[in-house]
Amino acid sequence: MMSTDADILDELRKIRALLEPKPAAPPPPKGLSQEFIAFLKDYKVLGLAVGFIIGVYLGALVKALVTDLVLPLVQFALPPGQPINTFTAGPFGLGDFANALLTFIIVALVIFLIVKIAKRYKIE
């Protein structure tokens, strides 16, 4: 089947657009202060710092939640009078490990939910 002249011209325009030179990249910043500012912008260092700081305090908050609210509930399953931090299984102490494990699981779940909500609302 033969192409019409309009189809041929359309294809030639597409080829011309592909062959046109791309605009030159902006020149690299000059001077230490400008390079530093460009580094901060390119690698989004401020967002990374904010995320790290919030993560630290979120971890502390969840650890307090696990230590003060969740583990006392778990302690009902233990023999009376045995503190959760001294819970042992043979020669192994499990209280602090259980605290750290529950803290990790809750932090991971909270981060998962935050990312899921952010993706739903296209906040990335």
PDB file of N, CA and C in Angstrom:
ATOM      1  N   MET A   1       0.853  -1.182   0.000  1.00  0.00           N
ATOM      2  CA  MET A   1       0.000   0.000   0.000  1.00  0.00           C
ATOM      3  C   MET A   1       0.895   1.241   0.000  1.00  0.00           C
ATOM      4  N   MET A   2       0.603   2.147  -0.826  1.00  0.00           N
ATOM      5  CA  MET A   2       1.422   3.346  -0.997  1.00  0.00           C
ATOM      6  C   MET A   2       1.038   4.389   0.044  1.00  0.00           C
ATOM      7  N   SER A   3       2.055   5.064   0.584  1.00  0.00           N
ATOM      8  CA  SER A   3       1.817   6.136   1.543  1.00  0.00           C
ATOM      9  C   SER A   3       1.485   7.412   0.808  1.00  0.00           C
ATOM     10  N   THR A   4       0.701   8.212   1.438  1.00  0.00           N
ATOM     11  CA  THR A   4       0.370   9.496   0.826  1.00  0.00           C
ATOM     12  C   THR A   4       1.507  10.475   1.079  1.00  0.00           C
ATOM     13  N   ASP A   5       1.477  11.552   0.344  1.00  0.00           N
ATOM     14  CA  ASP A   5       2.510  12.585   0.509  1.00  0.00           C
ATOM     15  C   ASP A   5       2.494  13.164   1.922  1.00  0.00           C
ATOM     16  N   ALA A   6       1.314  13.278   2.513  1.00  0.00           N
ATOM     17  CA  ALA A   6       1.207  13.830   3.864  1.00  0.00           C
ATOM     18  C   ALA A   6       1.889  12.910   4.876  1.00  0.00           C
ATOM     19  N   ASP A   7       1.737  11.583   4.698  1.00  0.00           N
ATOM     20  CA  ASP A   7       2.387  10.632   5.601  1.00  0.00           C
ATOM     21  C   ASP A   7       3.907  10.711   5.484  1.00  0.00           C
ATOM     22  N   ILE A   8       4.370  10.835   4.250  1.00  0.00           N
ATOM     23  CA  ILE A   8       5.816  10.923   4.015  1.00  0.00           C
ATOM     24  C   ILE A   8       6.366  12.199   4.646  1.00  0.00           C
ATOM     25  N   LEU A   9       5.673  13.314   4.466  1.00  0.00           N
ATOM     26  CA  LEU A   9       6.129  14.575   5.057  1.00  0.00           C
ATOM     27  C   LEU A   9       6.119  14.506   6.577  1.00  0.00           C
ATOM     28  N   ASP A  10       5.123  13.841   7.132  1.00  0.00           N
ATOM     29  CA  ASP A  10       5.048  13.694   8.589  1.00  0.00           C
ATOM     30  C   ASP A  10       6.252  12.888   9.107  1.00  0.00           C
ATOM     31  N   GLU A  11       6.585  11.806   8.425  1.00  0.00           N
ATOM     32  CA  GLU A  11       7.750  10.990   8.822  1.00  0.00           C
ATOM     33  C   GLU A  11       9.039  11.785   8.690  1.00  0.00           C
ATOM     34  N   LEU A  12       9.171  12.573   7.644  1.00  0.00           N
ATOM     35  CA  LEU A  12      10.377  13.390   7.461  1.00  0.00           C
ATOM     36  C   LEU A  12      10.499  14.434   8.573  1.00  0.00           C
ATOM     37  N   ARG A  13       9.383  14.999   9.020  1.00  0.00           N
ATOM     38  CA  ARG A  13       9.424  15.961  10.124  1.00  0.00           C
ATOM     39  C   ARG A  13       9.882  15.287  11.416  1.00  0.00           C
ATOM     40  N   LYS A  14       9.417  14.059  11.645  1.00  0.00           N
ATOM     41  CA  LYS A  14       9.843  13.316  12.834  1.00  0.00           C
ATOM     42  C   LYS A  14      11.341  13.034  12.793  1.00  0.00           C
ATOM     43  N   ILE A  15      11.830  12.661  11.604  1.00  0.00           N
ATOM     44  CA  ILE A  15      13.268  12.384  11.456  1.00  0.00           C
ATOM     45  C   ILE A  15      14.064  13.651  11.680  1.00  0.00           C
ATOM     46  N   ARG A  16      13.596  14.782  11.143  1.00  0.00           N
ATOM     47  CA  ARG A  16      14.294  16.057  11.330  1.00  0.00           C
ATOM     48  C   ARG A  16      14.348  16.432  12.810  1.00  0.00           C
ATOM     49  N   ALA A  17      13.237  16.221  13.526  1.00  0.00           N
ATOM     50  CA  ALA A  17      13.212  16.545  14.961  1.00  0.00           C
ATOM     51  C   ALA A  17      14.215  15.688  15.721  1.00  0.00           C
ATOM     52  N   LEU A  18      14.353  14.436  15.324  1.00  0.00           N
ATOM     53  CA  LEU A  18      15.315  13.562  15.995  1.00  0.00           C
ATOM     54  C   LEU A  18      16.758  13.940  15.689  1.00  0.00           C
ATOM     55  N   LEU A  19      17.005  14.494  14.513  1.00  0.00           N
ATOM     56  CA  LEU A  19      18.362  14.834  14.105  1.00  0.00           C
ATOM     57  C   LEU A  19      18.821  16.211  14.565  1.00  0.00           C
ATOM     58  N   GLU A  20      17.898  17.049  15.034  1.00  0.00           N
ATOM     59  CA  GLU A  20      18.283  18.381  15.493  1.00  0.00           C
ATOM     60  C   GLU A  20      19.149  18.260  16.736  1.00  0.00           C
ATOM     61  N   PRO A  21      20.188  19.090  16.830  1.00  0.00           N
ATOM     62  CA  PRO A  21      21.072  18.997  18.006  1.00  0.00           C
ATOM     63  C   PRO A  21      20.332  19.386  19.286  1.00  0.00           C
ATOM     64  N   LYS A  22      20.657  18.705  20.340  1.00  0.00           N
ATOM     65  CA  LYS A  22      20.052  18.981  21.647  1.00  0.00           C
ATOM     66  C   LYS A  22      20.668  20.250  22.217  1.00  0.00           C
ATOM     67  N   PRO A  23      19.924  20.958  23.066  1.00  0.00           N
ATOM     68  CA  PRO A  23      20.508  22.159  23.685  1.00  0.00           C
ATOM     69  C   PRO A  23      21.688  21.774  24.576  1.00  0.00           C
ATOM     70  N   ALA A  24      22.651  22.649  24.608  1.00  0.00           N
ATOM     71  CA  ALA A  24      23.858  22.387  25.393  1.00  0.00           C
ATOM     72  C   ALA A  24      23.528  22.339  26.880  1.00  0.00           C
ATOM     73  N   ALA A  25      24.246  21.489  27.597  1.00  0.00           N
ATOM     74  CA  ALA A  25      24.067  21.396  29.047  1.00  0.00           C
ATOM     75  C   ALA A  25      24.561  22.690  29.685  1.00  0.00           C
ATOM     76  N   PRO A  26      23.934  23.088  30.790  1.00  0.00           N
ATOM     77  CA  PRO A  26      24.411  24.316  31.444  1.00  0.00           C
ATOM     78  C   PRO A  26      25.847  24.128  31.925  1.00  0.00           C
ATOM     79  N   PRO A  27      26.618  25.202  31.905  1.00  0.00           N
ATOM     80  CA  PRO A  27      28.010  25.084  32.340  1.00  0.00           C
ATOM     81  C   PRO A  27      28.075  24.711  33.818  1.00  0.00           C
ATOM     82  N   PRO A  28      29.103  23.977  34.197  1.00  0.00           N
ATOM     83  CA  PRO A  28      29.218  23.619  35.618  1.00  0.00           C
ATOM     84  C   PRO A  28      29.418  24.873  36.466  1.00  0.00           C
ATOM     85  N   PRO A  29      28.921  24.853  37.693  1.00  0.00           N
ATOM     86  CA  PRO A  29      29.067  26.037  38.546  1.00  0.00           C
ATOM     87  C   PRO A  29      30.537  26.307  38.854  1.00  0.00           C
ATOM     88  N   LYS A  30      30.837  27.579  39.013  1.00  0.00           N
ATOM     89  CA  LYS A  30      32.212  27.977  39.327  1.00  0.00           C
ATOM     90  C   LYS A  30      32.262  28.460  40.760  1.00  0.00           C
ATOM     91  N   GLY A  31      33.294  28.118  41.435  1.00  0.00           N
ATOM     92  CA  GLY A  31      33.459  28.540  42.816  1.00  0.00           C
ATOM     93  C   GLY A  31      32.941  27.479  43.768  1.00  0.00           C
ATOM     94  N   LEU A  32      33.580  27.396  44.908  1.00  0.00           N
ATOM     95  CA  LEU A  32      33.253  26.372  45.889  1.00  0.00           C
ATOM     96  C   LEU A  32      31.829  26.510  46.409  1.00  0.00           C
ATOM     97  N   SER A  33      31.388  27.718  46.685  1.00  0.00           N
ATOM     98  CA  SER A  33      30.042  27.899  47.233  1.00  0.00           C
ATOM     99  C   SER A  33      28.978  27.513  46.214  1.00  0.00           C
ATOM    100  N   GLN A  34      29.170  27.857  44.952  1.00  0.00           N
ATOM    101  CA  GLN A  34      28.195  27.484  43.927  1.00  0.00           C
ATOM    102  C   GLN A  34      28.187  25.971  43.692  1.00  0.00           C
ATOM    103  N   GLU A  35      29.365  25.361  43.737  1.00  0.00           N
ATOM    104  CA  GLU A  35      29.430  23.907  43.597  1.00  0.00           C
ATOM    105  C   GLU A  35      28.712  23.223  44.760  1.00  0.00           C
ATOM    106  N   PHE A  36      28.900  23.770  45.947  1.00  0.00           N
ATOM    107  CA  PHE A  36      28.255  23.179  47.130  1.00  0.00           C
ATOM    108  C   PHE A  36      26.738  23.296  47.027  1.00  0.00           C
ATOM    109  N   ILE A  37      26.242  24.441  46.598  1.00  0.00           N
ATOM    110  CA  ILE A  37      24.799  24.634  46.440  1.00  0.00           C
ATOM    111  C   ILE A  37      24.258  23.703  45.362  1.00  0.00           C
ATOM    112  N   ALA A  38      24.998  23.548  44.265  1.00  0.00           N
ATOM    113  CA  ALA A  38      24.581  22.617  43.214  1.00  0.00           C
ATOM    114  C   ALA A  38      24.548  21.178  43.740  1.00  0.00           C
ATOM    115  N   PHE A  39      25.520  20.817  44.556  1.00  0.00           N
ATOM    116  CA  PHE A  39      25.549  19.487  45.168  1.00  0.00           C
ATOM    117  C   PHE A  39      24.313  19.268  46.026  1.00  0.00           C
ATOM    118  N   LEU A  40      23.977  20.252  46.852  1.00  0.00           N
ATOM    119  CA  LEU A  40      22.799  20.139  47.712  1.00  0.00           C
ATOM    120  C   LEU A  40      21.527  19.969  46.889  1.00  0.00           C
ATOM    121  N   LYS A  41      21.423  20.692  45.779  1.00  0.00           N
ATOM    122  CA  LYS A  41      20.224  20.601  44.942  1.00  0.00           C
ATOM    123  C   LYS A  41      20.178  19.285  44.175  1.00  0.00           C
ATOM    124  N   ASP A  42      21.308  18.893  43.579  1.00  0.00           N
ATOM    125  CA  ASP A  42      21.324  17.697  42.734  1.00  0.00           C
ATOM    126  C   ASP A  42      21.055  16.428  43.522  1.00  0.00           C
ATOM    127  N   TYR A  43      21.610  16.331  44.695  1.00  0.00           N
ATOM    128  CA  TYR A  43      21.474  15.105  45.480  1.00  0.00           C
ATOM    129  C   TYR A  43      20.384  15.205  46.541  1.00  0.00           C
ATOM    130  N   LYS A  44      19.632  16.293  46.538  1.00  0.00           N
ATOM    131  CA  LYS A  44      18.512  16.492  47.466  1.00  0.00           C
ATOM    132  C   LYS A  44      18.920  16.170  48.906  1.00  0.00           C
ATOM    133  N   VAL A  45      20.019  16.748  49.308  1.00  0.00           N
ATOM    134  CA  VAL A  45      20.595  16.480  50.618  1.00  0.00           C
ATOM    135  C   VAL A  45      19.673  16.959  51.736  1.00  0.00           C
ATOM    136  N   LEU A  46      19.001  18.055  51.530  1.00  0.00           N
ATOM    137  CA  LEU A  46      18.118  18.568  52.579  1.00  0.00           C
ATOM    138  C   LEU A  46      16.983  17.586  52.859  1.00  0.00           C
ATOM    139  N   GLY A  47      16.383  17.036  51.808  1.00  0.00           N
ATOM    140  CA  GLY A  47      15.324  16.045  51.992  1.00  0.00           C
ATOM    141  C   GLY A  47      15.836  14.791  52.677  1.00  0.00           C
ATOM    142  N   LEU A  48      17.040  14.383  52.320  1.00  0.00           N
ATOM    143  CA  LEU A  48      17.650  13.219  52.958  1.00  0.00           C
ATOM    144  C   LEU A  48      17.884  13.477  54.440  1.00  0.00           C
ATOM    145  N   ALA A  49      18.367  14.659  54.778  1.00  0.00           N
ATOM    146  CA  ALA A  49      18.615  14.997  56.180  1.00  0.00           C
ATOM    147  C   ALA A  49      17.310  15.029  56.978  1.00  0.00           C
ATOM    148  N   VAL A  50      16.281  15.630  56.397  1.00  0.00           N
ATOM    149  CA  VAL A  50      14.986  15.684  57.080  1.00  0.00           C
ATOM    150  C   VAL A  50      14.451  14.273  57.296  1.00  0.00           C
ATOM    151  N   GLY A  51      14.527  13.441  56.272  1.00  0.00           N
ATOM    152  CA  GLY A  51      14.066  12.058  56.396  1.00  0.00           C
ATOM    153  C   GLY A  51      14.828  11.293  57.461  1.00  0.00           C
ATOM    154  N   PHE A  52      16.131  11.501  57.523  1.00  0.00           N
ATOM    155  CA  PHE A  52      16.948  10.814  58.527  1.00  0.00           C
ATOM    156  C   PHE A  52      16.562  11.249  59.936  1.00  0.00           C
ATOM    157  N   ILE A  53      16.419  12.544  60.130  1.00  0.00           N
ATOM    158  CA  ILE A  53      16.083  13.062  61.460  1.00  0.00           C
ATOM    159  C   ILE A  53      14.699  12.574  61.883  1.00  0.00           C
ATOM    160  N   ILE A  54      13.740  12.635  60.969  1.00  0.00           N
ATOM    161  CA  ILE A  54      12.409  12.143  61.300  1.00  0.00           C
ATOM    162  C   ILE A  54      12.459  10.651  61.595  1.00  0.00           C
ATOM    163  N   GLY A  55      13.265   9.913  60.850  1.00  0.00           N
ATOM    164  CA  GLY A  55      13.406   8.472  61.084  1.00  0.00           C
ATOM    165  C   GLY A  55      13.968   8.162  62.456  1.00  0.00           C
ATOM    166  N   VAL A  56      14.944   8.946  62.891  1.00  0.00           N
ATOM    167  CA  VAL A  56      15.524   8.732  64.215  1.00  0.00           C
ATOM    168  C   VAL A  56      14.467   8.920  65.298  1.00  0.00           C
ATOM    169  N   TYR A  57      13.714   9.998  65.199  1.00  0.00           N
ATOM    170  CA  TYR A  57      12.705  10.270  66.223  1.00  0.00           C
ATOM    171  C   TYR A  57      11.501   9.336  66.101  1.00  0.00           C
ATOM    172  N   LEU A  58      11.178   8.919  64.901  1.00  0.00           N
ATOM    173  CA  LEU A  58      10.120   7.928  64.738  1.00  0.00           C
ATOM    174  C   LEU A  58      10.535   6.615  65.389  1.00  0.00           C
ATOM    175  N   GLY A  59      11.793   6.227  65.209  1.00  0.00           N
ATOM    176  CA  GLY A  59      12.300   5.012  65.856  1.00  0.00           C
ATOM    177  C   GLY A  59      12.233   5.116  67.368  1.00  0.00           C
ATOM    178  N   ALA A  60      12.600   6.268  67.914  1.00  0.00           N
ATOM    179  CA  ALA A  60      12.540   6.456  69.366  1.00  0.00           C
ATOM    180  C   ALA A  60      11.093   6.402  69.859  1.00  0.00           C
ATOM    181  N   LEU A  61      10.184   6.999  69.086  1.00  0.00           N
ATOM    182  CA  LEU A  61       8.773   6.980  69.456  1.00  0.00           C
ATOM    183  C   LEU A  61       8.217   5.557  69.445  1.00  0.00           C
ATOM    184  N   VAL A  62       8.537   4.804  68.421  1.00  0.00           N
ATOM    185  CA  VAL A  62       8.041   3.433  68.332  1.00  0.00           C
ATOM    186  C   VAL A  62       8.678   2.561  69.407  1.00  0.00           C
ATOM    187  N   LYS A  63       9.950   2.785  69.716  1.00  0.00           N
ATOM    188  CA  LYS A  63      10.590   2.009  70.783  1.00  0.00           C
ATOM    189  C   LYS A  63       9.884   2.269  72.114  1.00  0.00           C
ATOM    190  N   ALA A  64       9.542   3.520  72.370  1.00  0.00           N
ATOM    191  CA  ALA A  64       8.812   3.839  73.595  1.00  0.00           C
ATOM    192  C   ALA A  64       7.432   3.181  73.585  1.00  0.00           C
ATOM    193  N   LEU A  65       6.774   3.178  72.439  1.00  0.00           N
ATOM    194  CA  LEU A  65       5.476   2.519  72.321  1.00  0.00           C
ATOM    195  C   LEU A  65       5.584   1.031  72.639  1.00  0.00           C
ATOM    196  N   VAL A  66       6.593   0.379  72.071  1.00  0.00           N
ATOM    197  CA  VAL A  66       6.770  -1.058  72.305  1.00  0.00           C
ATOM    198  C   VAL A  66       7.133  -1.316  73.760  1.00  0.00           C
ATOM    199  N   THR A  67       8.064  -0.544  74.298  1.00  0.00           N
ATOM    200  CA  THR A  67       8.522  -0.764  75.670  1.00  0.00           C
ATOM    201  C   THR A  67       7.421  -0.490  76.687  1.00  0.00           C
ATOM    202  N   ASP A  68       6.664   0.590  76.494  1.00  0.00           N
ATOM    203  CA  ASP A  68       5.706   1.019  77.510  1.00  0.00           C
ATOM    204  C   ASP A  68       4.294   0.460  77.326  1.00  0.00           C
ATOM    205  N   LEU A  69       3.919   0.087  76.095  1.00  0.00           N
ATOM    206  CA  LEU A  69       2.552  -0.369  75.873  1.00  0.00           C
ATOM    207  C   LEU A  69       2.443  -1.818  75.386  1.00  0.00           C
ATOM    208  N   VAL A  70       3.267  -2.200  74.432  1.00  0.00           N
ATOM    209  CA  VAL A  70       3.128  -3.538  73.843  1.00  0.00           C
ATOM    210  C   VAL A  70       3.726  -4.611  74.744  1.00  0.00           C
ATOM    211  N   LEU A  71       4.946  -4.398  75.203  1.00  0.00           N
ATOM    212  CA  LEU A  71       5.594  -5.425  76.028  1.00  0.00           C
ATOM    213  C   LEU A  71       4.867  -5.688  77.349  1.00  0.00           C
ATOM    214  N   PRO A  72       4.291  -4.688  78.009  1.00  0.00           N
ATOM    215  CA  PRO A  72       3.491  -5.021  79.198  1.00  0.00           C
ATOM    216  C   PRO A  72       2.308  -5.938  78.872  1.00  0.00           C
ATOM    217  N   LEU A  73       1.732  -5.792  77.681  1.00  0.00           N
ATOM    218  CA  LEU A  73       0.675  -6.712  77.283  1.00  0.00           C
ATOM    219  C   LEU A  73       1.218  -8.120  77.064  1.00  0.00           C
ATOM    220  N   VAL A  74       2.412  -8.202  76.488  1.00  0.00           N
ATOM    221  CA  VAL A  74       3.047  -9.507  76.272  1.00  0.00           C
ATOM    222  C   VAL A  74       3.400 -10.136  77.614  1.00  0.00           C
ATOM    223  N   GLN A  75       3.682  -9.332  78.598  1.00  0.00           N
ATOM    224  CA  GLN A  75       4.101  -9.838  79.902  1.00  0.00           C
ATOM    225  C   GLN A  75       2.991 -10.638  80.583  1.00  0.00           C
ATOM    226  N   PHE A  76       1.741 -10.413  80.190  1.00  0.00           N
ATOM    227  CA  PHE A  76       0.649 -11.206  80.761  1.00  0.00           C
ATOM    228  C   PHE A  76       0.804 -12.689  80.426  1.00  0.00           C
ATOM    229  N   ALA A  77       1.491 -13.003  79.307  1.00  0.00           N
ATOM    230  CA  ALA A  77       1.693 -14.396  78.913  1.00  0.00           C
ATOM    231  C   ALA A  77       2.846 -15.041  79.680  1.00  0.00           C
ATOM    232  N   LEU A  78       3.652 -14.243  80.344  1.00  0.00           N
ATOM    233  CA  LEU A  78       4.807 -14.769  81.089  1.00  0.00           C
ATOM    234  C   LEU A  78       4.385 -15.136  82.513  1.00  0.00           C
ATOM    235  N   PRO A  79       5.219 -15.924  83.174  1.00  0.00           N
ATOM    236  CA  PRO A  79       4.932 -16.228  84.577  1.00  0.00           C
ATOM    237  C   PRO A  79       4.911 -14.943  85.406  1.00  0.00           C
ATOM    238  N   PRO A  80       4.056 -14.877  86.436  1.00  0.00           N
ATOM    239  CA  PRO A  80       3.977 -13.651  87.247  1.00  0.00           C
ATOM    240  C   PRO A  80       5.296 -13.351  87.949  1.00  0.00           C
ATOM    241  N   GLY A  81       5.612 -12.076  88.004  1.00  0.00           N
ATOM    242  CA  GLY A  81       6.803 -11.628  88.719  1.00  0.00           C
ATOM    243  C   GLY A  81       8.079 -11.646  87.896  1.00  0.00           C
ATOM    244  N   GLN A  82       8.036 -12.086  86.643  1.00  0.00           N
ATOM    245  CA  GLN A  82       9.253 -12.104  85.819  1.00  0.00           C
ATOM    246  C   GLN A  82       9.215 -10.915  84.861  1.00  0.00           C
ATOM    247  N   PRO A  83      10.148  -9.956  85.007  1.00  0.00           N
ATOM    248  CA  PRO A  83      10.168  -8.806  84.098  1.00  0.00           C
ATOM    249  C   PRO A  83      10.456  -9.262  82.666  1.00  0.00           C
ATOM    250  N   ILE A  84       9.904  -8.534  81.709  1.00  0.00           N
ATOM    251  CA  ILE A  84      10.054  -8.906  80.295  1.00  0.00           C
ATOM    252  C   ILE A  84      11.512  -8.882  79.848  1.00  0.00           C
ATOM    253  N   ASN A  85      12.316  -7.951  80.373  1.00  0.00           N
ATOM    254  CA  ASN A  85      13.707  -7.854  79.935  1.00  0.00           C
ATOM    255  C   ASN A  85      14.560  -9.014  80.431  1.00  0.00           C
ATOM    256  N   THR A  86      14.097  -9.725  81.443  1.00  0.00           N
ATOM    257  CA  THR A  86      14.878 -10.861  81.940  1.00  0.00           C
ATOM    258  C   THR A  86      14.324 -12.188  81.438  1.00  0.00           C
ATOM    259  N   PHE A  87      13.369 -12.146  80.499  1.00  0.00           N
ATOM    260  CA  PHE A  87      12.805 -13.373  79.953  1.00  0.00           C
ATOM    261  C   PHE A  87      13.906 -14.145  79.243  1.00  0.00           C
ATOM    262  N   THR A  88      14.046 -15.428  79.587  1.00  0.00           N
ATOM    263  CA  THR A  88      15.107 -16.237  78.993  1.00  0.00           C
ATOM    264  C   THR A  88      14.519 -17.533  78.448  1.00  0.00           C
ATOM    265  N   ALA A  89      15.231 -18.086  77.486  1.00  0.00           N
ATOM    266  CA  ALA A  89      14.930 -19.414  76.962  1.00  0.00           C
ATOM    267  C   ALA A  89      16.229 -20.190  77.068  1.00  0.00           C
ATOM    268  N   GLY A  90      16.373 -20.939  78.118  1.00  0.00           N
ATOM    269  CA  GLY A  90      17.641 -21.624  78.361  1.00  0.00           C
ATOM    270  C   GLY A  90      18.689 -20.594  78.714  1.00  0.00           C
ATOM    271  N   PRO A  91      19.847 -20.673  78.078  1.00  0.00           N
ATOM    272  CA  PRO A  91      20.920 -19.717  78.394  1.00  0.00           C
ATOM    273  C   PRO A  91      20.777 -18.378  77.659  1.00  0.00           C
ATOM    274  N   PHE A  92      19.745 -18.238  76.819  1.00  0.00           N
ATOM    275  CA  PHE A  92      19.611 -17.042  75.973  1.00  0.00           C
ATOM    276  C   PHE A  92      18.607 -16.065  76.578  1.00  0.00           C
ATOM    277  N   GLY A  93      19.031 -14.801  76.693  1.00  0.00           N
ATOM    278  CA  GLY A  93      18.117 -13.748  77.123  1.00  0.00           C
ATOM    279  C   GLY A  93      17.343 -13.241  75.916  1.00  0.00           C
ATOM    280  N   LEU A  94      16.037 -13.191  76.012  1.00  0.00           N
ATOM    281  CA  LEU A  94      15.217 -12.816  74.854  1.00  0.00           C
ATOM    282  C   LEU A  94      14.459 -11.511  75.041  1.00  0.00           C
ATOM    283  N   GLY A  95      14.460 -10.942  76.222  1.00  0.00           N
ATOM    284  CA  GLY A  95      13.653  -9.746  76.473  1.00  0.00           C
ATOM    285  C   GLY A  95      14.047  -8.563  75.618  1.00  0.00           C
ATOM    286  N   ASP A  96      15.328  -8.194  75.618  1.00  0.00           N
ATOM    287  CA  ASP A  96      15.779  -7.044  74.824  1.00  0.00           C
ATOM    288  C   ASP A  96      15.651  -7.319  73.336  1.00  0.00           C
ATOM    289  N   PHE A  97      15.912  -8.573  72.940  1.00  0.00           N
ATOM    290  CA  PHE A  97      15.762  -8.932  71.525  1.00  0.00           C
ATOM    291  C   PHE A  97      14.305  -8.809  71.094  1.00  0.00           C
ATOM    292  N   ALA A  98      13.394  -9.275  71.942  1.00  0.00           N
ATOM    293  CA  ALA A  98      11.969  -9.167  71.617  1.00  0.00           C
ATOM    294  C   ALA A  98      11.570  -7.706  71.485  1.00  0.00           C
ATOM    295  N   ASN A  99      12.082  -6.860  72.356  1.00  0.00           N
ATOM    296  CA  ASN A  99      11.814  -5.424  72.284  1.00  0.00           C
ATOM    297  C   ASN A  99      12.312  -4.860  70.956  1.00  0.00           C
ATOM    298  N   ALA A 100      13.551  -5.168  70.596  1.00  0.00           N
ATOM    299  CA  ALA A 100      14.127  -4.654  69.347  1.00  0.00           C
ATOM    300  C   ALA A 100      13.385  -5.196  68.130  1.00  0.00           C
ATOM    301  N   LEU A 101      12.999  -6.466  68.165  1.00  0.00           N
ATOM    302  CA  LEU A 101      12.290  -7.075  67.040  1.00  0.00           C
ATOM    303  C   LEU A 101      10.911  -6.435  66.852  1.00  0.00           C
ATOM    304  N   LEU A 102      10.170  -6.281  67.934  1.00  0.00           N
ATOM    305  CA  LEU A 102       8.865  -5.640  67.823  1.00  0.00           C
ATOM    306  C   LEU A 102       8.988  -4.193  67.364  1.00  0.00           C
ATOM    307  N   THR A 103       9.991  -3.493  67.856  1.00  0.00           N
ATOM    308  CA  THR A 103      10.220  -2.112  67.433  1.00  0.00           C
ATOM    309  C   THR A 103      10.493  -2.053  65.932  1.00  0.00           C
ATOM    310  N   PHE A 104      11.356  -2.942  65.455  1.00  0.00           N
ATOM    311  CA  PHE A 104      11.681  -2.969  64.025  1.00  0.00           C
ATOM    312  C   PHE A 104      10.442  -3.256  63.184  1.00  0.00           C
ATOM    313  N   ILE A 105       9.650  -4.234  63.581  1.00  0.00           N
ATOM    314  CA  ILE A 105       8.465  -4.595  62.809  1.00  0.00           C
ATOM    315  C   ILE A 105       7.481  -3.431  62.754  1.00  0.00           C
ATOM    316  N   ILE A 106       7.286  -2.757  63.876  1.00  0.00           N
ATOM    317  CA  ILE A 106       6.343  -1.635  63.891  1.00  0.00           C
ATOM    318  C   ILE A 106       6.875  -0.470  63.061  1.00  0.00           C
ATOM    319  N   VAL A 107       8.167  -0.157  63.171  1.00  0.00           N
ATOM    320  CA  VAL A 107       8.749   0.929  62.364  1.00  0.00           C
ATOM    321  C   VAL A 107       8.628   0.591  60.883  1.00  0.00           C
ATOM    322  N   ALA A 108       8.952  -0.648  60.502  1.00  0.00           N
ATOM    323  CA  ALA A 108       8.852  -1.045  59.095  1.00  0.00           C
ATOM    324  C   ALA A 108       7.413  -0.927  58.603  1.00  0.00           C
ATOM    325  N   LEU A 109       6.452  -1.318  59.421  1.00  0.00           N
ATOM    326  CA  LEU A 109       5.044  -1.218  59.038  1.00  0.00           C
ATOM    327  C   LEU A 109       4.624   0.241  58.878  1.00  0.00           C
ATOM    328  N   VAL A 110       5.036   1.095  59.794  1.00  0.00           N
ATOM    329  CA  VAL A 110       4.681   2.519  59.700  1.00  0.00           C
ATOM    330  C   VAL A 110       5.297   3.142  58.449  1.00  0.00           C
ATOM    331  N   ILE A 111       6.551   2.842  58.160  1.00  0.00           N
ATOM    332  CA  ILE A 111       7.199   3.386  56.965  1.00  0.00           C
ATOM    333  C   ILE A 111       6.501   2.869  55.709  1.00  0.00           C
ATOM    334  N   PHE A 112       6.143   1.578  55.694  1.00  0.00           N
ATOM    335  CA  PHE A 112       5.423   1.009  54.565  1.00  0.00           C
ATOM    336  C   PHE A 112       4.110   1.752  54.328  1.00  0.00           C
ATOM    337  N   LEU A 113       3.369   2.006  55.407  1.00  0.00           N
ATOM    338  CA  LEU A 113       2.092   2.703  55.263  1.00  0.00           C
ATOM    339  C   LEU A 113       2.284   4.142  54.784  1.00  0.00           C
ATOM    340  N   ILE A 114       3.319   4.818  55.278  1.00  0.00           N
ATOM    341  CA  ILE A 114       3.586   6.189  54.842  1.00  0.00           C
ATOM    342  C   ILE A 114       3.912   6.219  53.349  1.00  0.00           C
ATOM    343  N   VAL A 115       4.754   5.288  52.892  1.00  0.00           N
ATOM    344  CA  VAL A 115       5.111   5.238  51.469  1.00  0.00           C
ATOM    345  C   VAL A 115       3.881   4.907  50.627  1.00  0.00           C
ATOM    346  N   LYS A 116       3.058   3.983  51.099  1.00  0.00           N
ATOM    347  CA  LYS A 116       1.850   3.604  50.359  1.00  0.00           C
ATOM    348  C   LYS A 116       0.897   4.799  50.230  1.00  0.00           C
ATOM    349  N   ILE A 117       0.702   5.538  51.302  1.00  0.00           N
ATOM    350  CA  ILE A 117      -0.162   6.716  51.258  1.00  0.00           C
ATOM    351  C   ILE A 117       0.436   7.788  50.352  1.00  0.00           C
ATOM    352  N   ALA A 118       1.760   7.975  50.428  1.00  0.00           N
ATOM    353  CA  ALA A 118       2.413   8.977  49.576  1.00  0.00           C
ATOM    354  C   ALA A 118       2.258   8.621  48.101  1.00  0.00           C
ATOM    355  N   LYS A 119       2.367   7.345  47.761  1.00  0.00           N
ATOM    356  CA  LYS A 119       2.194   6.946  46.365  1.00  0.00           C
ATOM    357  C   LYS A 119       0.747   7.131  45.918  1.00  0.00           C
ATOM    358  N   ARG A 120      -0.197   6.852  46.813  1.00  0.00           N
ATOM    359  CA  ARG A 120      -1.614   7.011  46.467  1.00  0.00           C
ATOM    360  C   ARG A 120      -1.907   8.455  46.110  1.00  0.00           C
ATOM    361  N   TYR A 121      -1.343   9.400  46.875  1.00  0.00           N
ATOM    362  CA  TYR A 121      -1.572  10.812  46.623  1.00  0.00           C
ATOM    363  C   TYR A 121      -0.499  11.435  45.737  1.00  0.00           C
ATOM    364  N   LYS A 122       0.333  10.590  45.140  1.00  0.00           N
ATOM    365  CA  LYS A 122       1.396  11.011  44.213  1.00  0.00           C
ATOM    366  C   LYS A 122       2.325  12.042  44.836  1.00  0.00           C
ATOM    367  N   ILE A 123       2.724  11.776  46.084  1.00  0.00           N
ATOM    368  CA  ILE A 123       3.686  12.641  46.785  1.00  0.00           C
ATOM    369  C   ILE A 123       4.993  11.865  46.813  1.00  0.00           C
ATOM    370  N   GLU A 124       5.856  12.109  45.847  1.00  0.00           N
ATOM    371  CA  GLU A 124       7.101  11.339  45.780  1.00  0.00           C
ATOM    372  C   GLU A 124       8.285  12.241  45.666  1.00  0.00           C
TER     373      GLU A 124
END
